[in-house]
N, C-alpha and C. Protein backbone atom coordinates (compact mmCIF):
# COMPACT_ATOMS: atom_id res chain seq x y z
N MET A 1 96.18 31.51 106.66
CA MET A 1 97.19 32.46 107.15
C MET A 1 98.64 32.09 107.00
N PHE A 2 99.05 30.80 107.56
CA PHE A 2 100.30 30.29 107.87
C PHE A 2 100.77 29.96 106.20
N GLU A 3 99.81 29.50 105.31
CA GLU A 3 100.23 29.28 103.87
C GLU A 3 100.95 30.40 103.31
N ARG A 4 99.95 31.69 103.49
CA ARG A 4 100.16 32.97 102.76
C ARG A 4 101.62 33.47 103.42
N ASN A 5 101.68 33.26 104.46
CA ASN A 5 102.73 33.93 105.28
C ASN A 5 104.15 33.20 105.07
N ASN A 6 104.02 31.92 104.76
CA ASN A 6 105.10 31.05 104.43
C ASN A 6 105.51 31.37 103.00
N LEU A 7 104.52 31.79 101.94
CA LEU A 7 104.71 31.98 100.69
C LEU A 7 105.60 33.57 100.62
N ILE A 8 105.36 34.44 101.41
CA ILE A 8 105.37 35.68 101.49
C ILE A 8 107.37 35.54 101.96
N VAL A 9 107.30 34.62 103.03
CA VAL A 9 108.56 34.33 103.48
C VAL A 9 109.73 33.63 102.44
N ARG A 10 109.03 32.73 101.86
CA ARG A 10 110.15 32.14 100.50
C ARG A 10 110.17 33.23 99.51
N ALA A 11 109.22 34.05 98.90
CA ALA A 11 109.46 35.05 98.28
C ALA A 11 110.52 36.07 98.65
N CYS A 12 110.55 36.52 100.00
CA CYS A 12 111.36 37.45 100.01
C CYS A 12 112.73 36.78 100.13
N ARG A 13 113.23 35.40 100.76
CA ARG A 13 114.32 34.96 100.71
C ARG A 13 114.87 35.14 99.21
N GLU A 14 113.97 34.33 98.33
CA GLU A 14 114.51 34.46 96.89
C GLU A 14 114.83 35.70 96.32
N LEU A 15 114.16 36.74 96.72
CA LEU A 15 114.58 37.91 96.36
C LEU A 15 115.94 38.44 96.83
N LEU A 16 116.05 37.96 98.29
CA LEU A 16 117.57 38.77 98.67
C LEU A 16 118.74 37.63 98.57
N HIS A 17 118.17 36.31 98.46
CA HIS A 17 119.24 35.27 98.10
C HIS A 17 118.85 34.49 96.90
N PRO A 18 119.01 35.02 95.85
CA PRO A 18 118.39 34.29 94.64
C PRO A 18 119.46 32.88 94.28
N ARG A 19 118.82 31.80 93.78
CA ARG A 19 119.55 30.75 93.78
C ARG A 19 120.37 30.53 92.67
N LYS A 20 121.39 29.83 93.03
CA LYS A 20 122.57 29.91 91.62
C LYS A 20 122.05 29.25 90.53
N THR A 21 121.06 29.26 90.02
CA THR A 21 120.75 28.75 88.92
C THR A 21 120.47 29.65 87.76
N GLU A 22 120.00 29.36 86.66
CA GLU A 22 119.32 30.16 85.37
C GLU A 22 118.50 31.36 85.70
N GLU A 23 118.83 32.34 85.59
CA GLU A 23 118.37 33.78 85.80
C GLU A 23 116.84 33.50 85.36
N SER A 24 116.44 32.88 84.30
CA SER A 24 114.99 32.59 83.80
C SER A 24 114.26 31.79 84.68
N LYS A 25 115.09 30.67 85.18
CA LYS A 25 114.37 29.94 85.97
C LYS A 25 113.98 30.77 87.43
N ASN A 26 114.79 31.42 87.99
CA ASN A 26 114.70 32.32 89.11
C ASN A 26 113.36 33.52 88.99
N THR A 27 113.24 33.90 87.93
CA THR A 27 112.16 34.85 87.54
C THR A 27 110.83 34.11 87.41
N ASN A 28 110.73 32.92 87.04
CA ASN A 28 109.49 32.11 87.08
C ASN A 28 109.29 31.61 88.38
N ILE A 29 110.07 31.37 89.38
CA ILE A 29 109.98 30.76 90.45
C ILE A 29 109.32 32.19 91.31
N LEU A 30 109.81 33.51 91.06
CA LEU A 30 109.39 34.62 91.89
C LEU A 30 108.27 34.92 91.14
N PHE A 31 107.78 34.92 89.82
CA PHE A 31 106.64 35.07 89.27
C PHE A 31 105.24 34.13 89.97
N ASP A 32 105.80 32.97 90.08
CA ASP A 32 104.85 31.72 90.59
C ASP A 32 104.75 32.36 92.04
N LEU A 33 105.65 32.66 93.03
CA LEU A 33 105.32 33.03 94.11
C LEU A 33 104.44 33.98 94.45
N VAL A 34 104.80 35.13 93.56
CA VAL A 34 103.90 36.67 93.75
C VAL A 34 102.52 36.28 93.39
N GLU A 35 102.26 35.36 92.19
CA GLU A 35 101.15 35.00 91.92
C GLU A 35 100.26 34.25 92.79
N ASN A 36 100.79 33.23 93.58
CA ASN A 36 100.37 32.62 94.61
C ASN A 36 99.95 33.48 95.80
N ILE A 37 100.84 34.18 96.00
CA ILE A 37 100.67 35.23 97.36
C ILE A 37 99.14 35.93 97.07
N TYR A 38 99.30 36.41 95.57
CA TYR A 38 98.21 37.13 95.52
C TYR A 38 97.05 36.59 95.33
N ASN A 39 97.11 35.61 94.80
CA ASN A 39 95.80 34.60 94.63
C ASN A 39 95.29 34.13 96.28
N ILE A 40 96.05 33.76 97.15
CA ILE A 40 95.62 33.34 98.50
C ILE A 40 95.41 34.63 99.24
N GLY A 41 96.02 35.71 99.23
CA GLY A 41 95.48 37.06 99.99
C GLY A 41 94.42 37.45 99.23
N MET A 42 94.18 37.67 98.05
CA MET A 42 92.88 38.11 97.53
C MET A 42 91.47 37.49 97.91
N ASN A 43 91.73 36.17 97.63
CA ASN A 43 90.52 35.38 98.06
C ASN A 43 90.27 35.36 99.82
N LYS A 44 91.17 35.45 100.40
CA LYS A 44 90.57 35.52 101.94
C LYS A 44 90.56 36.92 102.38
N TRP A 45 90.81 37.81 101.66
CA TRP A 45 90.76 39.38 102.66
C TRP A 45 89.46 39.83 102.16
N HIS A 46 89.12 40.72 102.82
CA HIS A 46 88.12 41.57 103.02
C HIS A 46 87.92 42.89 102.52
N TRP A 47 87.60 43.53 101.51
CA TRP A 47 87.74 44.94 101.41
C TRP A 47 86.23 45.60 101.32
N TYR A 48 86.50 46.99 101.71
CA TYR A 48 85.61 47.80 102.21
C TYR A 48 85.61 49.07 101.28
N ILE A 49 84.27 49.53 100.67
CA ILE A 49 84.12 50.80 100.12
C ILE A 49 83.36 51.42 101.18
N TYR A 50 83.69 52.75 101.43
CA TYR A 50 83.15 53.57 102.57
C TYR A 50 82.80 54.82 102.11
N ILE A 51 81.76 55.66 102.83
CA ILE A 51 81.55 56.72 102.66
C ILE A 51 81.52 57.77 104.09
N ILE A 52 82.37 58.78 103.92
CA ILE A 52 82.65 59.43 105.09
C ILE A 52 81.90 60.59 105.01
N GLU A 53 81.03 61.05 105.97
CA GLU A 53 80.41 62.89 105.76
C GLU A 53 81.31 63.41 106.61
N CYS A 54 81.68 64.45 105.62
CA CYS A 54 82.67 65.71 106.13
C CYS A 54 81.93 66.84 106.70
N LEU A 55 82.61 67.68 107.35
CA LEU A 55 82.11 68.76 108.04
C LEU A 55 81.60 69.63 107.30
N GLY A 56 81.80 69.82 106.18
CA GLY A 56 80.99 70.57 105.27
C GLY A 56 79.70 70.14 104.71
N ASP A 57 79.19 68.90 105.15
CA ASP A 57 78.23 68.20 104.59
C ASP A 57 78.29 67.70 103.08
N THR A 58 79.71 67.24 103.05
CA THR A 58 79.92 66.86 101.60
C THR A 58 80.54 65.15 101.78
N TYR A 59 80.35 64.46 100.92
CA TYR A 59 80.83 63.02 101.25
C TYR A 59 82.10 62.65 100.60
N TYR A 60 83.16 61.98 101.29
CA TYR A 60 84.13 61.41 100.74
C TYR A 60 84.25 59.74 100.35
N THR A 61 84.26 59.07 99.41
CA THR A 61 84.17 57.77 99.10
C THR A 61 85.68 57.20 98.91
N GLY A 62 86.07 55.96 99.78
CA GLY A 62 86.97 55.48 99.80
C GLY A 62 87.18 53.90 99.87
N MET A 63 88.15 53.35 99.86
CA MET A 63 88.17 51.69 99.68
C MET A 63 89.62 51.17 100.66
N THR A 64 89.15 50.27 101.30
CA THR A 64 90.28 50.10 102.12
C THR A 64 90.15 48.40 102.59
N TRP A 65 90.70 48.00 103.38
CA TRP A 65 90.67 46.47 103.96
C TRP A 65 90.81 46.64 105.57
N ASN A 66 90.74 47.55 106.12
CA ASN A 66 90.36 47.95 107.67
C ASN A 66 89.77 49.20 107.78
N ILE A 67 88.59 49.27 107.84
CA ILE A 67 87.72 50.31 108.16
C ILE A 67 88.36 51.30 109.50
N ALA A 68 88.35 50.69 110.41
CA ALA A 68 88.85 51.36 111.47
C ALA A 68 89.76 51.96 111.81
N ASN A 69 90.84 51.32 110.90
CA ASN A 69 92.24 52.31 110.68
C ASN A 69 92.18 53.16 109.79
N ARG A 70 91.57 53.33 108.68
CA ARG A 70 91.15 53.84 107.75
C ARG A 70 90.48 55.35 108.29
N LEU A 71 89.59 54.93 108.79
CA LEU A 71 88.75 56.04 109.53
C LEU A 71 89.49 56.75 110.59
N GLU A 72 90.48 56.21 111.25
CA GLU A 72 91.27 56.78 112.27
C GLU A 72 92.39 57.49 111.45
N GLN A 73 92.80 57.46 110.22
CA GLN A 73 93.44 58.07 109.40
C GLN A 73 93.08 59.44 108.95
N HIS A 74 91.70 58.98 108.52
CA HIS A 74 91.14 60.43 108.14
C HIS A 74 90.93 61.32 109.14
N VAL A 75 90.67 61.00 110.21
CA VAL A 75 90.08 61.63 111.35
C VAL A 75 91.55 62.26 111.86
N SER A 76 92.61 61.96 111.77
CA SER A 76 93.77 62.43 112.12
C SER A 76 94.25 63.37 110.94
N ARG A 77 93.53 63.60 109.89
CA ARG A 77 93.88 64.40 108.82
C ARG A 77 95.19 63.88 107.89
N LEU A 78 95.38 62.49 108.00
CA LEU A 78 96.43 61.79 107.31
C LEU A 78 95.60 60.79 106.21
N GLY A 79 94.58 60.70 106.11
CA GLY A 79 93.91 59.76 105.08
C GLY A 79 93.86 60.25 103.63
N SER A 80 93.62 61.51 103.54
CA SER A 80 93.26 61.87 101.99
C SER A 80 93.50 63.63 101.90
N GLU A 81 93.91 63.85 100.89
CA GLU A 81 93.87 65.38 100.94
C GLU A 81 92.40 66.09 101.12
N TYR A 82 91.11 65.36 100.63
CA TYR A 82 89.61 65.92 100.65
C TYR A 82 89.76 65.74 102.07
N THR A 83 89.66 64.64 102.92
CA THR A 83 89.27 64.73 104.27
C THR A 83 90.33 65.56 105.19
N LYS A 84 91.32 65.90 104.67
CA LYS A 84 92.36 66.60 105.03
C LYS A 84 91.69 68.38 105.34
N LYS A 85 91.32 68.50 104.00
CA LYS A 85 90.57 69.68 104.05
C LYS A 85 89.55 70.28 104.58
N HIS A 86 88.63 68.99 104.20
CA HIS A 86 87.09 68.95 104.80
C HIS A 86 86.84 68.59 105.96
N GLY A 87 87.60 68.07 106.54
CA GLY A 87 87.34 67.18 107.97
C GLY A 87 86.32 66.22 108.05
N VAL A 88 86.29 65.54 109.40
CA VAL A 88 85.28 64.27 109.14
C VAL A 88 84.44 64.32 110.09
N LYS A 89 83.05 64.16 109.98
CA LYS A 89 82.06 64.15 110.58
C LYS A 89 82.06 62.62 111.14
N LYS A 90 81.61 61.92 110.25
CA LYS A 90 81.45 60.40 110.83
C LYS A 90 81.29 59.38 109.55
N LEU A 91 81.55 58.10 109.63
CA LEU A 91 81.37 56.96 108.85
C LEU A 91 79.86 57.10 108.75
N VAL A 92 79.34 56.88 107.26
CA VAL A 92 77.85 57.01 107.18
C VAL A 92 77.69 55.68 106.49
N TYR A 93 78.39 55.05 105.71
CA TYR A 93 77.98 53.96 104.82
C TYR A 93 79.09 53.00 104.64
N TYR A 94 79.22 51.73 104.50
CA TYR A 94 80.15 51.04 103.90
C TYR A 94 79.63 49.69 103.25
N GLU A 95 80.33 48.97 102.34
CA GLU A 95 79.71 47.66 101.71
C GLU A 95 81.10 46.81 101.63
N GLU A 96 80.75 45.65 101.90
CA GLU A 96 81.95 44.64 102.06
C GLU A 96 82.07 43.92 100.75
N PHE A 97 83.20 43.53 100.32
CA PHE A 97 83.53 42.60 99.07
C PHE A 97 84.41 41.83 99.48
N ASN A 98 84.66 40.52 98.85
CA ASN A 98 85.51 39.39 98.84
C ASN A 98 86.55 39.86 97.78
N ASP A 99 86.27 40.27 96.87
CA ASP A 99 86.97 40.32 95.58
C ASP A 99 87.56 41.95 95.55
N LEU A 100 88.63 41.98 95.27
CA LEU A 100 89.36 43.37 95.14
C LEU A 100 89.13 44.30 93.92
N GLU A 101 88.60 43.39 93.03
CA GLU A 101 88.32 44.42 91.63
C GLU A 101 87.15 44.77 91.84
N MET A 102 86.23 43.99 92.41
CA MET A 102 84.73 44.34 92.41
C MET A 102 84.45 45.66 93.31
N ALA A 103 85.58 45.74 94.30
CA ALA A 103 85.48 46.73 95.43
C ALA A 103 86.01 47.88 94.78
N ARG A 104 86.95 47.83 93.95
CA ARG A 104 87.65 49.08 92.97
C ARG A 104 86.62 49.50 92.12
N ASN A 105 85.86 48.69 91.49
CA ASN A 105 84.70 49.06 90.46
C ASN A 105 83.46 49.93 91.17
N ARG A 106 83.33 49.23 92.51
CA ARG A 106 82.02 49.86 93.16
C ARG A 106 82.73 51.18 93.52
N GLU A 107 83.63 51.51 94.13
CA GLU A 107 84.60 52.76 94.63
C GLU A 107 84.52 53.66 93.59
N LYS A 108 84.85 53.29 92.25
CA LYS A 108 84.83 54.30 91.25
C LYS A 108 83.59 54.67 90.57
N GLN A 109 82.55 53.74 90.78
CA GLN A 109 81.11 54.01 90.50
C GLN A 109 80.69 55.25 91.33
N ILE A 110 80.71 54.52 92.80
CA ILE A 110 80.04 55.73 93.73
C ILE A 110 80.99 57.15 93.81
N LYS A 111 82.08 57.18 93.84
CA LYS A 111 83.23 58.32 93.38
C LYS A 111 82.42 59.18 92.13
N ASN A 112 82.03 58.67 90.85
CA ASN A 112 81.65 59.71 89.96
C ASN A 112 80.23 60.15 90.40
N TRP A 113 79.66 59.51 91.31
CA TRP A 113 77.90 60.19 91.47
C TRP A 113 78.02 61.55 92.31
N SER A 114 77.13 62.03 92.08
CA SER A 114 76.74 63.32 92.79
C SER A 114 76.60 63.13 94.40
N GLN A 115 76.85 64.29 95.04
CA GLN A 115 76.49 64.56 96.54
C GLN A 115 74.98 63.74 96.72
N GLU A 116 74.06 64.18 95.92
CA GLU A 116 72.62 63.98 96.16
C GLU A 116 72.55 62.35 95.94
N LYS A 117 73.27 61.90 95.07
CA LYS A 117 72.81 60.60 94.89
C LYS A 117 73.62 59.64 95.85
N LYS A 118 74.68 59.86 96.48
CA LYS A 118 75.48 59.49 97.78
C LYS A 118 74.39 59.44 98.71
N LYS A 119 73.67 60.68 99.07
CA LYS A 119 73.06 60.79 100.27
C LYS A 119 71.82 59.76 100.03
N LYS A 120 71.32 59.72 98.82
CA LYS A 120 69.87 58.69 98.74
C LYS A 120 70.40 57.03 99.18
N LEU A 121 71.62 56.67 98.63
CA LEU A 121 72.34 55.33 98.78
C LEU A 121 72.43 55.37 100.44
N ILE A 122 73.03 56.46 101.27
CA ILE A 122 73.15 56.36 102.71
C ILE A 122 71.94 56.32 103.24
N ASN A 123 70.86 56.90 102.77
CA ASN A 123 69.52 56.89 103.30
C ASN A 123 68.73 55.69 102.81
N GLY A 124 69.37 54.80 102.40
CA GLY A 124 68.62 53.61 101.70
C GLY A 124 67.24 53.76 100.55
N GLU A 125 67.45 55.25 99.92
CA GLU A 125 66.74 55.53 98.82
C GLU A 125 67.12 54.94 97.50
N TRP A 126 68.52 54.55 97.85
CA TRP A 126 68.73 54.11 96.27
C TRP A 126 69.42 52.79 96.73
N LYS A 127 69.04 51.87 95.62
CA LYS A 127 69.56 50.33 95.58
C LYS A 127 71.19 50.22 95.25
N LYS A 128 71.71 49.51 95.81
CA LYS A 128 72.95 49.36 95.46
C LYS A 128 73.35 48.58 94.13
N GLU A 129 72.38 48.16 93.70
CA GLU A 129 72.58 47.62 92.01
C GLU A 129 72.56 48.82 91.40
N TRP A 130 72.21 49.92 91.53
CA TRP A 130 71.87 50.74 90.44
C TRP A 130 73.32 51.73 90.58
């Protein structure tokens, strides 16, 4: 975590107070710092896709790095337009990922499913791999 924070501080300093060198060199330094921050952060973070049961017995699918905070946002009607309109009953399902792209792909896959297929996944009648 210290290494990641150190890189963030360096990147911010460089953005606020660029060195008096060639512009292209500064640009390359910034790109390198941003890439390092991305790689360090993405490899250590955990991502979650989750399904919330709404008050109208429908399901909302989302993705976050912090389920507790995101659920609180949904309950407070600040999470999404869908849960703002339909209300939140409870968190009924989640999966954990170490890779952001895999989590995004899984969220997209589940979002395209019917409510019935989501219900089967929640009840363990549908395998994760399907």
